[in-house]
Protein backbone atom coordinates (compact mmCIF):
# COMPACT_ATOMS: atom_id res chain seq x y z
CA UNK A 1 -152.35 -132.31 -112.84
CA UNK A 2 -151.75 -133.97 -109.26
CA UNK A 3 -154.12 -135.05 -107.78
CA UNK A 4 -152.82 -137.14 -104.40
CA UNK A 5 -153.07 -140.23 -103.34
CA UNK A 6 -153.23 -140.61 -100.21
CA UNK A 7 -156.63 -137.75 -100.15
CA UNK A 8 -160.31 -138.47 -100.74
CA UNK A 9 -162.10 -135.98 -101.97
CA UNK A 10 -165.91 -134.39 -102.30
CA UNK A 11 -167.45 -133.69 -106.26
CA UNK A 12 -167.48 -129.98 -104.77
CA UNK A 13 -163.62 -130.25 -105.43
CA UNK A 14 -162.64 -130.43 -101.54
CA UNK A 15 -159.89 -132.56 -100.22
CA UNK A 16 -159.57 -134.67 -96.65
CA UNK A 17 -156.19 -135.71 -95.22
CA UNK A 18 -157.63 -137.77 -92.49
CA UNK A 19 -155.06 -138.09 -89.75
CA UNK A 20 -156.11 -139.56 -86.44
CA UNK A 21 -159.75 -138.13 -85.33
CA UNK A 22 -158.46 -134.23 -87.27
CA UNK A 23 -158.45 -133.49 -90.78
CA UNK A 24 -157.17 -130.69 -92.78
CA UNK A 25 -159.45 -129.79 -96.09
CA UNK A 26 -158.52 -127.45 -98.78
CA UNK A 27 -159.44 -126.54 -102.87
CA UNK A 28 -158.28 -129.72 -104.70
CA UNK A 29 -155.42 -127.94 -107.73
CA UNK A 30 -158.38 -128.76 -110.62
CA UNK A 31 -159.58 -126.44 -108.29
CA UNK A 32 -158.34 -123.59 -107.68
CA UNK A 33 -156.13 -123.31 -111.75
CA UNK A 34 -160.55 -123.33 -113.18
CA UNK A 35 -161.06 -120.23 -110.44
CA UNK A 36 -157.45 -118.33 -111.44
CA UNK A 37 -156.30 -115.84 -109.36
CA UNK A 38 -157.28 -115.89 -105.99
CA UNK A 39 -157.76 -112.35 -104.44
CA UNK A 40 -159.48 -113.31 -101.13
CA UNK A 41 -160.33 -116.43 -98.52
CA UNK A 42 -163.08 -116.63 -95.81
CA UNK A 43 -162.26 -118.99 -93.15
CA UNK A 44 -164.60 -120.36 -90.00
CA UNK A 45 -163.11 -119.36 -86.34
CA UNK A 46 -162.18 -121.97 -84.05
CA UNK A 47 -164.42 -123.67 -82.46
CA UNK A 48 -167.09 -123.27 -85.20
CA UNK A 49 -169.41 -126.11 -85.83
CA UNK A 50 -169.34 -126.57 -89.71
CA UNK A 51 -171.39 -129.88 -91.52
CA UNK A 52 -170.89 -132.21 -94.35
CA UNK A 53 -172.19 -130.18 -97.85
CA UNK A 54 -172.82 -127.36 -95.89
CA UNK A 55 -171.05 -124.21 -97.19
CA UNK A 56 -167.73 -123.22 -94.59
CA UNK A 57 -166.05 -120.63 -96.56
CA UNK A 58 -165.35 -117.77 -99.06
CA UNK A 59 -163.38 -117.28 -102.22
CA UNK A 60 -163.13 -115.19 -104.35
CA UNK A 61 -160.45 -115.45 -107.70
CA UNK A 62 -161.42 -112.12 -110.36
CA UNK A 63 -163.31 -114.19 -111.61
CA UNK A 64 -164.95 -115.71 -109.82
CA UNK A 65 -166.52 -116.20 -106.02
CA UNK A 66 -166.69 -119.74 -104.66
CA UNK A 67 -168.25 -121.24 -102.17
CA UNK A 68 -166.35 -123.26 -99.87
CA UNK A 69 -167.97 -126.99 -99.06
CA UNK A 70 -167.90 -128.65 -96.26
CA UNK A 71 -166.81 -132.88 -97.50
CA UNK A 72 -167.01 -133.65 -93.17
CA UNK A 73 -169.09 -132.47 -89.83
CA UNK A 74 -167.24 -131.37 -86.87
CA UNK A 75 -165.47 -129.18 -85.02
CA UNK A 76 -163.06 -126.25 -86.74
CA UNK A 77 -159.57 -126.88 -83.90
CA UNK A 78 -157.32 -124.22 -87.06
CA UNK A 79 -157.26 -121.80 -90.02
CA UNK A 80 -154.75 -120.98 -91.73
CA UNK A 81 -153.74 -117.50 -91.57
CA UNK A 82 -151.40 -117.32 -93.76
CA UNK A 83 -153.55 -118.94 -97.12
CA UNK A 84 -155.95 -116.99 -95.93
CA UNK A 85 -153.72 -113.41 -95.97
CA UNK A 86 -152.11 -115.08 -98.81
CA UNK A 87 -154.16 -116.14 -101.18
CA UNK A 88 -151.82 -117.53 -103.95
CA UNK A 89 -150.85 -119.79 -101.99
CA UNK A 90 -153.43 -121.81 -102.32
CA UNK A 91 -152.98 -122.07 -106.39
CA UNK A 92 -148.89 -122.60 -105.39
CA UNK A 93 -149.36 -125.50 -102.96
CA UNK A 94 -153.37 -126.55 -102.94
CA UNK A 95 -151.85 -129.70 -101.01
CA UNK A 96 -149.16 -127.99 -98.86
CA UNK A 97 -149.27 -124.97 -97.50
CA UNK A 98 -152.99 -123.53 -98.77
CA UNK A 99 -155.11 -126.43 -96.94
CA UNK A 100 -158.01 -124.14 -95.17
CA UNK A 101 -158.55 -125.63 -92.16
CA UNK A 102 -158.63 -128.75 -89.58
CA UNK A 103 -161.68 -129.81 -87.79
CA UNK A 104 -161.50 -132.60 -85.02
CA UNK A 105 -164.26 -135.17 -86.95
CA UNK A 106 -167.67 -135.57 -85.74
CA UNK A 107 -168.61 -139.18 -88.12
CA UNK A 108 -164.90 -140.66 -89.60
CA UNK A 109 -167.26 -142.31 -91.74
CA UNK A 110 -168.12 -139.36 -93.74
CA UNK A 111 -164.13 -139.27 -95.03
CA UNK A 112 -164.68 -143.32 -95.77
CA UNK A 113 -167.78 -142.29 -98.30
CA UNK A 114 -165.36 -139.30 -100.00
CA UNK A 115 -164.21 -139.97 -103.99
CA UNK A 116 -160.19 -141.78 -103.89
CA UNK A 117 -157.74 -140.60 -105.83
CA UNK A 118 -159.36 -142.04 -108.80
CA UNK A 119 -163.19 -141.21 -108.91
CA UNK A 120 -161.71 -138.15 -108.94
CA UNK A 121 -159.75 -138.06 -111.65
CA UNK A 122 -163.04 -138.96 -113.34
CA UNK A 123 -164.51 -136.90 -112.44
CA UNK A 124 -162.55 -134.29 -113.75
CA UNK A 125 -162.88 -136.28 -116.39
CA UNK A 126 -166.52 -135.09 -116.63
CA UNK A 127 -166.20 -131.84 -116.85
CA UNK A 128 -168.77 -130.07 -114.97
């Protein structure tokens, strides 16, 4: 299973790519695989404020409905409309075209507190 080294990870299976004051957020390949065939993605609007640990959206599959939890606090500056219109993009490219939102980070230290690739791999190996 792919776990890119350049990303940070939340225990709730979201990933974060920080570029300056902007963070791109999506779900991991592990999470996408466990969800199965994705059918619906609900994302916040641009300008919405999100807080670390709180739900920012919802993802549905043929198996279940799951909340998406924000690994960081900030303001949503962009949403991936393509992924919302075609949720299967997330399964096909979770770390690329399947990103979900971009956020202007309030507190950069929140990203530093997330798991690195090794920590996330250990979490996945432990199971749910």
